[in-house]
Protein backbone atom coordinates (compact mmCIF):
# COMPACT_ATOMS: atom_id res chain seq x y z
CA UNK A 1 -15.59 119.59 63.45
CA UNK A 2 -15.09 115.92 62.93
CA UNK A 3 -17.60 114.08 60.92
CA UNK A 4 -17.90 110.18 60.85
CA UNK A 5 -17.54 108.27 57.49
CA UNK A 6 -20.51 108.32 55.24
CA UNK A 7 -21.67 112.20 55.07
CA UNK A 8 -18.01 113.49 55.71
CA UNK A 9 -17.00 114.64 52.29
CA UNK A 10 -20.29 115.57 51.11
CA UNK A 11 -21.04 117.64 54.29
CA UNK A 12 -17.80 119.47 53.90
CA UNK A 13 -18.38 120.14 50.20
CA UNK A 14 -22.21 121.54 51.23
CA UNK A 15 -20.50 123.76 53.75
CA UNK A 16 -17.96 125.03 51.52
CA UNK A 17 -20.67 125.77 48.66
CA UNK A 18 -22.60 127.75 51.36
CA UNK A 19 -19.81 129.73 52.59
CA UNK A 20 -18.46 130.32 49.03
CA UNK A 21 -21.22 132.55 47.69
CA UNK A 22 -23.53 129.82 45.92
CA UNK A 23 -21.43 128.84 42.85
CA UNK A 24 -23.76 127.24 40.61
CA UNK A 25 -21.30 124.38 39.02
CA UNK A 26 -20.22 123.87 42.65
CA UNK A 27 -23.86 123.17 43.59
CA UNK A 28 -24.56 121.11 40.47
CA UNK A 29 -21.30 118.78 41.18
CA UNK A 30 -22.84 117.99 44.66
CA UNK A 31 -26.01 116.49 43.29
CA UNK A 32 -26.87 113.17 42.34
CA UNK A 33 -28.52 112.65 39.01
CA UNK A 34 -31.67 111.13 41.00
CA UNK A 35 -31.65 113.59 43.80
CA UNK A 36 -34.94 114.54 45.38
CA UNK A 37 -35.89 117.80 46.88
CA UNK A 38 -38.63 118.41 49.84
CA UNK A 39 -39.54 121.90 49.97
CA UNK A 40 -41.47 123.38 53.09
CA UNK A 41 -43.92 125.10 50.56
CA UNK A 42 -44.08 122.75 47.52
CA UNK A 43 -46.43 119.69 48.47
CA UNK A 44 -44.84 117.08 46.17
CA UNK A 45 -41.07 115.99 46.26
CA UNK A 46 -39.12 117.55 43.48
CA UNK A 47 -37.05 114.85 41.69
CA UNK A 48 -34.08 114.98 39.34
CA UNK A 49 -30.71 116.97 39.52
CA UNK A 50 -32.17 119.78 37.28
CA UNK A 51 -35.30 120.46 39.67
CA UNK A 52 -33.15 120.01 42.99
CA UNK A 53 -30.66 122.51 41.52
CA UNK A 54 -33.11 125.09 40.76
CA UNK A 55 -34.69 124.95 44.22
CA UNK A 56 -31.30 124.72 46.22
CA UNK A 57 -29.69 127.45 44.08
CA UNK A 58 -32.70 129.79 44.64
CA UNK A 59 -32.71 128.94 48.32
CA UNK A 60 -29.12 129.56 48.88
CA UNK A 61 -29.60 133.09 47.39
CA UNK A 62 -32.93 133.75 49.02
CA UNK A 63 -31.61 132.48 52.48
CA UNK A 64 -27.80 132.42 52.39
CA UNK A 65 -27.27 136.18 53.31
CA UNK A 66 -24.67 137.64 55.53
CA UNK A 67 -26.71 136.63 58.57
CA UNK A 68 -27.23 132.86 57.59
CA UNK A 69 -25.47 130.46 59.82
CA UNK A 70 -25.80 126.97 61.00
CA UNK A 71 -26.29 126.51 64.47
CA UNK A 72 -25.75 122.75 65.04
CA UNK A 73 -25.70 119.60 63.18
CA UNK A 74 -26.38 116.20 63.85
CA UNK A 75 -24.50 113.33 61.68
CA UNK A 76 -25.38 109.78 61.50
CA UNK A 77 -23.64 107.86 58.75
CA UNK A 78 -24.53 109.11 55.37
CA UNK A 79 -27.31 111.59 56.71
CA UNK A 80 -27.20 115.09 58.39
CA UNK A 81 -29.76 117.31 60.04
CA UNK A 82 -28.40 121.02 60.12
CA UNK A 83 -30.21 123.60 61.95
CA UNK A 84 -30.07 127.22 60.53
CA UNK A 85 -31.11 130.71 61.21
CA UNK A 86 -31.38 133.73 58.93
CA UNK A 87 -33.49 136.67 58.32
CA UNK A 88 -35.48 137.94 55.51
CA UNK A 89 -37.04 141.27 55.16
CA UNK A 90 -36.70 141.48 59.02
CA UNK A 91 -38.17 138.27 59.75
CA UNK A 92 -36.30 135.71 61.55
CA UNK A 93 -36.25 132.36 60.00
CA UNK A 94 -35.22 129.17 61.93
CA UNK A 95 -34.94 125.90 59.89
CA UNK A 96 -33.66 122.57 59.41
CA UNK A 97 -31.77 120.92 56.32
CA UNK A 98 -32.03 117.12 56.44
CA UNK A 99 -29.49 115.85 53.80
CA UNK A 100 -28.71 112.31 52.54
CA UNK A 101 -25.64 111.25 50.51
CA UNK A 102 -25.34 108.29 48.14
CA UNK A 103 -22.46 106.15 48.04
CA UNK A 104 -20.71 108.33 45.74
CA UNK A 105 -20.82 111.29 48.23
CA UNK A 106 -23.50 113.07 46.16
CA UNK A 107 -26.76 114.72 47.51
CA UNK A 108 -29.50 112.24 47.15
CA UNK A 109 -32.04 113.70 49.29
CA UNK A 110 -32.49 117.07 50.68
CA UNK A 111 -35.44 118.37 52.87
CA UNK A 112 -36.11 121.71 54.32
CA UNK A 113 -38.28 122.83 57.20
CA UNK A 114 -38.88 126.22 58.10
CA UNK A 115 -40.63 128.13 60.92
CA UNK A 116 -42.37 130.21 61.95
CA UNK A 117 -45.45 130.57 59.66
CA UNK A 118 -44.35 134.27 58.93
CA UNK A 119 -41.09 133.02 57.84
CA UNK A 120 -42.38 130.13 55.66
CA UNK A 121 -44.63 132.72 53.78
CA UNK A 122 -41.72 135.26 53.21
CA UNK A 123 -39.62 132.22 52.05
CA UNK A 124 -42.23 131.17 49.51
CA UNK A 125 -42.68 134.63 48.15
CA UNK A 126 -38.88 135.30 47.50
CA UNK A 127 -38.40 131.70 46.35
CA UNK A 128 -41.21 132.16 43.83
CA UNK A 129 -39.44 135.42 42.47
CA UNK A 130 -36.13 133.61 42.22
CA UNK A 131 -37.39 130.64 40.40
CA UNK A 132 -39.49 132.70 38.09
CA UNK A 133 -36.31 134.73 37.18
CA UNK A 134 -34.39 131.40 36.82
CA UNK A 135 -37.08 129.97 34.41
CA UNK A 136 -37.02 133.23 32.38
CA UNK A 137 -33.19 133.21 31.85
């Protein structure tokens, strides 16, 4: 897939991370120090590399199972929208990742939207478990 300048290397690195099984160091290397994460279930943006890392690492393990796949993507300059589907405990999940990269090719902003409501509730449940486990370790 050909990607215009701007998101190119960052988008390729994101796809490699998702395809590669969720290596924590690979994810950390993708994130800008001042990155911001917008969760479908947390009302306030989560700012800073460490917080964004915690959410994205948990999400990649909760949602990134064998049936996770990106359906399509729209790229415009330093931004991309990636529609995905997956399932969790038998619930079909459809969502969108909206990602922006800074001039250094690092993720500066990451927003996730998920549907339907049943899927959001299941994602919230599983993410809370994963984040609590990360905090305990």
